[in-house]
Protein backbone atom coordinates (compact mmCIF):
# COMPACT_ATOMS: atom_id res chain seq x y z
CA UNK A 1 -22.81 1.67 14.19
CA UNK A 2 -19.28 0.94 16.38
CA UNK A 3 -17.10 2.82 17.95
CA UNK A 4 -13.67 2.81 15.92
CA UNK A 5 -10.68 1.34 17.78
CA UNK A 6 -7.68 3.37 19.38
CA UNK A 7 -4.56 2.95 16.98
CA UNK A 8 -2.92 1.00 20.07
CA UNK A 9 -6.37 -1.49 19.42
CA UNK A 10 -5.36 -1.79 16.01
CA UNK A 11 -1.79 -2.52 16.53
CA UNK A 12 -2.63 -5.16 18.78
CA UNK A 13 -5.15 -6.83 16.76
CA UNK A 14 -2.58 -6.50 13.92
CA UNK A 15 -0.37 -8.42 15.54
CA UNK A 16 -2.78 -11.16 16.54
CA UNK A 17 -3.77 -11.45 12.93
CA UNK A 18 -0.40 -12.07 11.90
CA UNK A 19 0.11 -14.72 14.56
CA UNK A 20 -3.54 -16.36 13.45
CA UNK A 21 -2.67 -19.55 11.97
CA UNK A 22 -6.41 -19.60 9.86
CA UNK A 23 -5.41 -16.38 7.94
CA UNK A 24 -1.58 -17.64 7.01
CA UNK A 25 -1.26 -18.53 3.40
CA UNK A 26 -3.96 -17.23 2.19
CA UNK A 27 -4.25 -16.04 -1.15
CA UNK A 28 -5.64 -12.80 -0.47
CA UNK A 29 -4.74 -9.88 0.86
CA UNK A 30 -5.52 -8.56 4.45
CA UNK A 31 -6.02 -5.85 6.04
CA UNK A 32 -7.66 -4.39 9.23
CA UNK A 33 -10.46 -1.83 9.13
CA UNK A 34 -10.66 1.49 11.77
CA UNK A 35 -13.06 -0.96 13.76
CA UNK A 36 -10.92 -3.43 14.22
CA UNK A 37 -11.99 -6.28 11.43
CA UNK A 38 -10.30 -8.09 8.87
CA UNK A 39 -11.04 -7.45 5.31
CA UNK A 40 -9.56 -10.05 2.70
CA UNK A 41 -9.13 -9.42 -1.26
CA UNK A 42 -8.09 -11.63 -3.39
CA UNK A 43 -5.47 -10.94 -6.04
CA UNK A 44 -5.06 -12.11 -9.58
CA UNK A 45 -2.14 -13.09 -11.39
CA UNK A 46 -2.13 -9.90 -12.99
CA UNK A 47 -1.92 -8.30 -10.53
CA UNK A 48 0.91 -10.19 -9.03
CA UNK A 49 3.06 -9.51 -12.01
CA UNK A 50 2.16 -5.82 -11.73
CA UNK A 51 3.53 -5.65 -8.16
CA UNK A 52 6.40 -7.75 -8.74
CA UNK A 53 7.06 -5.12 -12.29
CA UNK A 54 6.47 -2.11 -9.82
CA UNK A 55 9.07 -3.43 -7.23
CA UNK A 56 12.02 -4.19 -9.92
CA UNK A 57 11.80 -0.70 -11.44
CA UNK A 58 11.94 0.83 -7.77
CA UNK A 59 15.12 -1.18 -7.08
CA UNK A 60 16.06 -0.93 -10.00
CA UNK A 61 15.79 3.14 -10.51
CA UNK A 62 15.47 4.55 -6.66
CA UNK A 63 18.55 2.86 -4.77
CA UNK A 64 18.80 5.42 -2.04
CA UNK A 65 15.91 3.18 -0.30
CA UNK A 66 13.96 -0.22 -0.55
CA UNK A 67 10.65 -1.62 -1.61
CA UNK A 68 8.59 -3.23 0.42
CA UNK A 69 5.79 -5.48 -1.05
CA UNK A 70 2.69 -5.69 1.24
CA UNK A 71 3.85 -3.04 3.34
CA UNK A 72 1.75 -2.63 6.75
CA UNK A 73 0.92 1.18 7.54
CA UNK A 74 -1.74 2.28 11.02
CA UNK A 75 -3.96 4.90 9.06
CA UNK A 76 -7.25 6.83 10.44
CA UNK A 77 -8.90 4.16 8.30
CA UNK A 78 -6.86 1.19 9.86
CA UNK A 79 -4.47 -0.94 9.08
CA UNK A 80 -4.06 -0.59 5.00
CA UNK A 81 -1.41 -2.58 3.07
CA UNK A 82 -0.39 -1.16 0.02
CA UNK A 83 0.41 -3.81 -2.69
CA UNK A 84 4.15 -1.89 -3.06
CA UNK A 85 5.96 1.15 -1.20
CA UNK A 86 9.22 2.61 -1.80
CA UNK A 87 10.92 4.05 2.08
CA UNK A 88 13.76 6.27 1.75
CA UNK A 89 17.03 4.91 3.65
CA UNK A 90 16.34 8.09 5.94
CA UNK A 91 12.59 6.55 6.52
CA UNK A 92 14.05 3.09 7.05
CA UNK A 93 16.88 4.94 9.65
CA UNK A 94 13.71 6.05 11.45
CA UNK A 95 11.48 3.27 11.22
CA UNK A 96 13.39 -0.25 10.63
CA UNK A 97 10.94 -2.84 10.39
CA UNK A 98 8.57 -2.26 12.87
CA UNK A 99 5.32 -3.62 11.98
CA UNK A 100 2.91 -2.00 11.09
CA UNK A 101 4.34 1.49 10.43
CA UNK A 102 3.11 3.85 11.86
CA UNK A 103 3.73 6.63 9.25
CA UNK A 104 3.79 6.08 5.53
CA UNK A 105 6.93 5.54 3.48
CA UNK A 106 7.44 7.87 0.58
CA UNK A 107 5.57 6.25 -1.95
CA UNK A 108 2.89 4.09 -1.39
CA UNK A 109 1.22 2.25 -4.70
CA UNK A 110 -1.95 0.37 -4.87
CA UNK A 111 -2.79 -1.86 -7.93
CA UNK A 112 -6.78 -1.50 -8.22
CA UNK A 113 -9.05 -4.36 -8.45
CA UNK A 114 -12.02 -4.73 -10.40
CA UNK A 115 -14.22 -4.89 -6.49
CA UNK A 116 -12.41 -1.71 -5.64
CA UNK A 117 -14.90 1.14 -5.86
CA UNK A 118 -14.15 5.20 -6.35
CA UNK A 119 -14.68 6.02 -2.57
CA UNK A 120 -12.82 3.31 -1.23
CA UNK A 121 -9.46 4.19 -3.52
CA UNK A 122 -10.16 8.09 -2.84
CA UNK A 123 -10.28 6.95 1.18
CA UNK A 124 -6.93 4.98 0.64
CA UNK A 125 -5.29 8.01 -1.01
CA UNK A 126 -6.60 10.45 1.38
CA UNK A 127 -4.96 8.16 4.15
CA UNK A 128 -1.73 7.36 2.93
CA UNK A 129 -0.81 10.94 2.53
CA UNK A 130 -2.69 12.10 5.59
CA UNK A 131 -0.09 9.35 7.23
CA UNK A 132 3.34 10.78 5.78
CA UNK A 133 3.29 9.43 2.17
CA UNK A 134 4.87 11.93 -0.64
CA UNK A 135 3.23 10.38 -3.28
CA UNK A 136 0.11 7.66 -3.95
CA UNK A 137 0.53 5.99 -7.11
CA UNK A 138 -2.88 4.01 -8.58
CA UNK A 139 -2.29 1.52 -11.28
CA UNK A 140 -4.92 0.02 -13.58
CA UNK A 141 -4.89 -3.64 -14.37
CA UNK A 142 -4.08 -2.52 -17.94
CA UNK A 143 -0.61 -1.11 -16.41
CA UNK A 144 -1.93 2.65 -16.36
CA UNK A 145 -0.09 4.79 -14.10
CA UNK A 146 -1.84 7.43 -12.10
CA UNK A 147 0.15 9.22 -9.08
CA UNK A 148 -1.46 11.70 -6.36
CA UNK A 149 0.70 14.05 -4.16
CA UNK A 150 -0.82 16.27 -1.39
CA UNK A 151 -2.25 18.96 -4.04
CA UNK A 152 -4.01 16.75 -5.73
CA UNK A 153 -3.57 14.34 -8.87
CA UNK A 154 0.10 15.21 -10.45
CA UNK A 155 0.79 14.56 -14.12
CA UNK A 156 4.25 12.78 -13.19
CA UNK A 157 5.84 11.47 -10.25
CA UNK A 158 8.10 13.93 -8.34
CA UNK A 159 10.57 11.05 -8.02
CA UNK A 160 13.44 10.05 -10.59
CA UNK A 161 11.56 7.61 -12.21
CA UNK A 162 10.12 6.49 -15.21
CA UNK A 163 7.58 2.99 -15.28
CA UNK A 164 5.62 1.58 -18.16
CA UNK A 165 4.18 -1.48 -17.37
CA UNK A 166 3.54 -4.13 -19.97
CA UNK A 167 -0.30 -4.60 -21.30
CA UNK A 168 -2.20 -7.85 -20.28
CA UNK A 169 -0.87 -10.76 -21.59
CA UNK A 170 -3.70 -12.15 -23.91
């Protein structure tokens, strides 16, 4: 096995990927793993709808922050890109729009793809929490939500927000 890339090397690799013409306009989510390798995951239209619905609800219900879709975050497992994040005004004041963030915004949301395996999901939860997120939300393609904090799974979010997502269309 190779050596893990340093955080500095991952940031350089991410900036290269942002400028790489072959990675532009792909219908895939692009991330960089801890070794600096590009990983891509295709997303369905259902995935995109859930992402948009979540972003709209965050914006409506948590107005003292901003919503970012496809937000890049430097974590211990590489540069990961949650589908949606909510960042407080304090977070934005501290970090602005640096790319990637070196700390996770308060809420990081992953919409689970059929190709995701549980170990990968668990690793992302730990990585976002370990990088400063207060909560990690998992959303199934059916629209079910699960919430995680530093003490494990939560029965509901600690944030003043209540979201009900639509079921899949037939």
